[in-house]
């Protein structure tokens, strides 16, 4: 599980380097059953990111992935959702 956390973090680091973002302030989240079920993966993922990237903040997901897609779509067409709408989305489950 520790190796899995390291490898997932290395993928994030590689993407940050490829995009020349390793020196910028980065906000990283995670998603999926492995992260949810295994604290060792989450912990090692966070440790490696903090050791490798100068200014990274790792946070648990605020929304389900489909809500993230909705937010990106809204942003792309210039819609800004209200705080009330965001709070409502955070409390809904898409099961």
C-alpha atoms as a PDB file:
ATOM      1  CA  UNK A   1       0.000   0.000   0.000  1.00  0.00           C
ATOM      2  CA  UNK A   2       2.913   2.308   0.722  1.00  0.00           C
ATOM      3  CA  UNK A   3       4.314   1.652  -2.748  1.00  0.00           C
ATOM      4  CA  UNK A   4       0.905   2.386  -4.282  1.00  0.00           C
ATOM      5  CA  UNK A   5       0.788   5.754  -2.512  1.00  0.00           C
ATOM      6  CA  UNK A   6       4.304   6.545  -3.740  1.00  0.00           C
ATOM      7  CA  UNK A   7       3.538   5.604  -7.336  1.00  0.00           C
ATOM      8  CA  UNK A   8       0.321   7.614  -7.413  1.00  0.00           C
ATOM      9  CA  UNK A   9       2.160  10.632  -5.997  1.00  0.00           C
ATOM     10  CA  UNK A  10       4.934  10.205  -8.568  1.00  0.00           C
ATOM     11  CA  UNK A  11       2.301  10.408 -11.317  1.00  0.00           C
ATOM     12  CA  UNK A  12       1.094  13.738  -9.909  1.00  0.00           C
ATOM     13  CA  UNK A  13       4.673  15.007  -9.667  1.00  0.00           C
ATOM     14  CA  UNK A  14       5.361  13.947 -13.265  1.00  0.00           C
ATOM     15  CA  UNK A  15       2.257  15.799 -14.461  1.00  0.00           C
ATOM     16  CA  UNK A  16       3.241  18.917 -12.492  1.00  0.00           C
ATOM     17  CA  UNK A  17       6.733  18.839 -13.991  1.00  0.00           C
ATOM     18  CA  UNK A  18       5.422  18.237 -17.494  1.00  0.00           C
ATOM     19  CA  UNK A  19       3.161  21.284 -17.115  1.00  0.00           C
ATOM     20  CA  UNK A  20       6.008  23.267 -15.511  1.00  0.00           C
ATOM     21  CA  UNK A  21       3.938  23.721 -12.356  1.00  0.00           C
ATOM     22  CA  UNK A  22       6.226  22.147  -9.753  1.00  0.00           C
ATOM     23  CA  UNK A  23       7.166  25.542  -8.251  1.00  0.00           C
ATOM     24  CA  UNK A  24       3.594  26.876  -8.145  1.00  0.00           C
ATOM     25  CA  UNK A  25       1.089  26.567  -5.353  1.00  0.00           C
ATOM     26  CA  UNK A  26      -0.829  23.380  -6.122  1.00  0.00           C
ATOM     27  CA  UNK A  27      -4.049  21.987  -4.729  1.00  0.00           C
ATOM     28  CA  UNK A  28      -4.346  18.233  -5.126  1.00  0.00           C
ATOM     29  CA  UNK A  29      -7.202  15.944  -4.250  1.00  0.00           C
ATOM     30  CA  UNK A  30      -7.811  12.261  -4.790  1.00  0.00           C
ATOM     31  CA  UNK A  31     -10.707  10.022  -5.689  1.00  0.00           C
ATOM     32  CA  UNK A  32     -11.526   6.351  -5.652  1.00  0.00           C
ATOM     33  CA  UNK A  33     -12.050   3.336  -3.480  1.00  0.00           C
ATOM     34  CA  UNK A  34      -8.348   2.692  -2.829  1.00  0.00           C
ATOM     35  CA  UNK A  35      -7.875   6.160  -1.353  1.00  0.00           C
ATOM     36  CA  UNK A  36     -11.118   5.906   0.599  1.00  0.00           C
ATOM     37  CA  UNK A  37     -10.385   2.456   2.022  1.00  0.00           C
ATOM     38  CA  UNK A  38      -6.681   2.672   2.775  1.00  0.00           C
ATOM     39  CA  UNK A  39      -5.196   5.299   5.048  1.00  0.00           C
ATOM     40  CA  UNK A  40      -1.668   4.034   4.247  1.00  0.00           C
ATOM     41  CA  UNK A  41      -2.126   4.949   0.582  1.00  0.00           C
ATOM     42  CA  UNK A  42      -3.479   8.416   1.444  1.00  0.00           C
ATOM     43  CA  UNK A  43      -0.733   9.076   3.975  1.00  0.00           C
ATOM     44  CA  UNK A  44       2.155   8.028   1.737  1.00  0.00           C
ATOM     45  CA  UNK A  45       0.618   9.851  -1.250  1.00  0.00           C
ATOM     46  CA  UNK A  46       0.518  13.053   0.791  1.00  0.00           C
ATOM     47  CA  UNK A  47       4.018  12.573   2.245  1.00  0.00           C
ATOM     48  CA  UNK A  48       5.649  12.062  -1.147  1.00  0.00           C
ATOM     49  CA  UNK A  49       3.872  15.057  -2.651  1.00  0.00           C
ATOM     50  CA  UNK A  50       4.916  17.313   0.232  1.00  0.00           C
ATOM     51  CA  UNK A  51       8.514  16.094   0.017  1.00  0.00           C
ATOM     52  CA  UNK A  52       8.706  16.560  -3.752  1.00  0.00           C
ATOM     53  CA  UNK A  53       6.635  19.635  -4.602  1.00  0.00           C
ATOM     54  CA  UNK A  54       7.504  22.955  -3.006  1.00  0.00           C
ATOM     55  CA  UNK A  55       3.998  24.184  -2.252  1.00  0.00           C
ATOM     56  CA  UNK A  56       1.292  21.545  -2.359  1.00  0.00           C
ATOM     57  CA  UNK A  57      -1.932  21.197  -0.408  1.00  0.00           C
ATOM     58  CA  UNK A  58      -3.604  17.788  -0.428  1.00  0.00           C
ATOM     59  CA  UNK A  59      -7.285  17.705   0.501  1.00  0.00           C
ATOM     60  CA  UNK A  60     -10.013  15.085   0.453  1.00  0.00           C
ATOM     61  CA  UNK A  61     -12.544  15.468  -2.354  1.00  0.00           C
ATOM     62  CA  UNK A  62     -15.379  17.921  -1.764  1.00  0.00           C
ATOM     63  CA  UNK A  63     -17.626  16.404  -4.407  1.00  0.00           C
ATOM     64  CA  UNK A  64     -18.160  13.210  -6.356  1.00  0.00           C
ATOM     65  CA  UNK A  65     -16.337  13.103  -9.730  1.00  0.00           C
ATOM     66  CA  UNK A  66     -19.486  13.840 -11.734  1.00  0.00           C
ATOM     67  CA  UNK A  67     -19.938  17.103  -9.821  1.00  0.00           C
ATOM     68  CA  UNK A  68     -16.381  18.073 -10.728  1.00  0.00           C
ATOM     69  CA  UNK A  69     -17.250  17.529 -14.378  1.00  0.00           C
ATOM     70  CA  UNK A  70     -20.323  19.725 -13.932  1.00  0.00           C
ATOM     71  CA  UNK A  71     -18.247  22.488 -12.345  1.00  0.00           C
ATOM     72  CA  UNK A  72     -15.710  22.404 -15.179  1.00  0.00           C
ATOM     73  CA  UNK A  73     -18.528  22.546 -17.741  1.00  0.00           C
ATOM     74  CA  UNK A  74     -20.164  25.485 -15.967  1.00  0.00           C
ATOM     75  CA  UNK A  75     -16.854  27.329 -15.776  1.00  0.00           C
ATOM     76  CA  UNK A  76     -16.185  26.743 -19.469  1.00  0.00           C
ATOM     77  CA  UNK A  77     -19.416  28.521 -20.435  1.00  0.00           C
ATOM     78  CA  UNK A  78     -19.038  31.308 -17.913  1.00  0.00           C
ATOM     79  CA  UNK A  79     -21.552  30.142 -15.319  1.00  0.00           C
ATOM     80  CA  UNK A  80     -20.612  30.747 -11.712  1.00  0.00           C
ATOM     81  CA  UNK A  81     -22.494  28.640  -9.191  1.00  0.00           C
ATOM     82  CA  UNK A  82     -23.559  30.273  -5.940  1.00  0.00           C
ATOM     83  CA  UNK A  83     -22.258  29.107  -2.584  1.00  0.00           C
ATOM     84  CA  UNK A  84     -25.748  27.774  -1.862  1.00  0.00           C
ATOM     85  CA  UNK A  85     -25.652  25.675  -5.037  1.00  0.00           C
ATOM     86  CA  UNK A  86     -22.197  24.328  -4.186  1.00  0.00           C
ATOM     87  CA  UNK A  87     -23.334  23.405  -0.686  1.00  0.00           C
ATOM     88  CA  UNK A  88     -26.385  21.632  -2.114  1.00  0.00           C
ATOM     89  CA  UNK A  89     -24.181  19.686  -4.537  1.00  0.00           C
ATOM     90  CA  UNK A  90     -21.856  18.680  -1.704  1.00  0.00           C
ATOM     91  CA  UNK A  91     -24.712  17.114   0.256  1.00  0.00           C
ATOM     92  CA  UNK A  92     -26.249  15.152  -2.622  1.00  0.00           C
ATOM     93  CA  UNK A  93     -25.195  11.629  -3.503  1.00  0.00           C
ATOM     94  CA  UNK A  94     -25.173  10.478  -7.116  1.00  0.00           C
ATOM     95  CA  UNK A  95     -25.665   6.790  -6.351  1.00  0.00           C
END
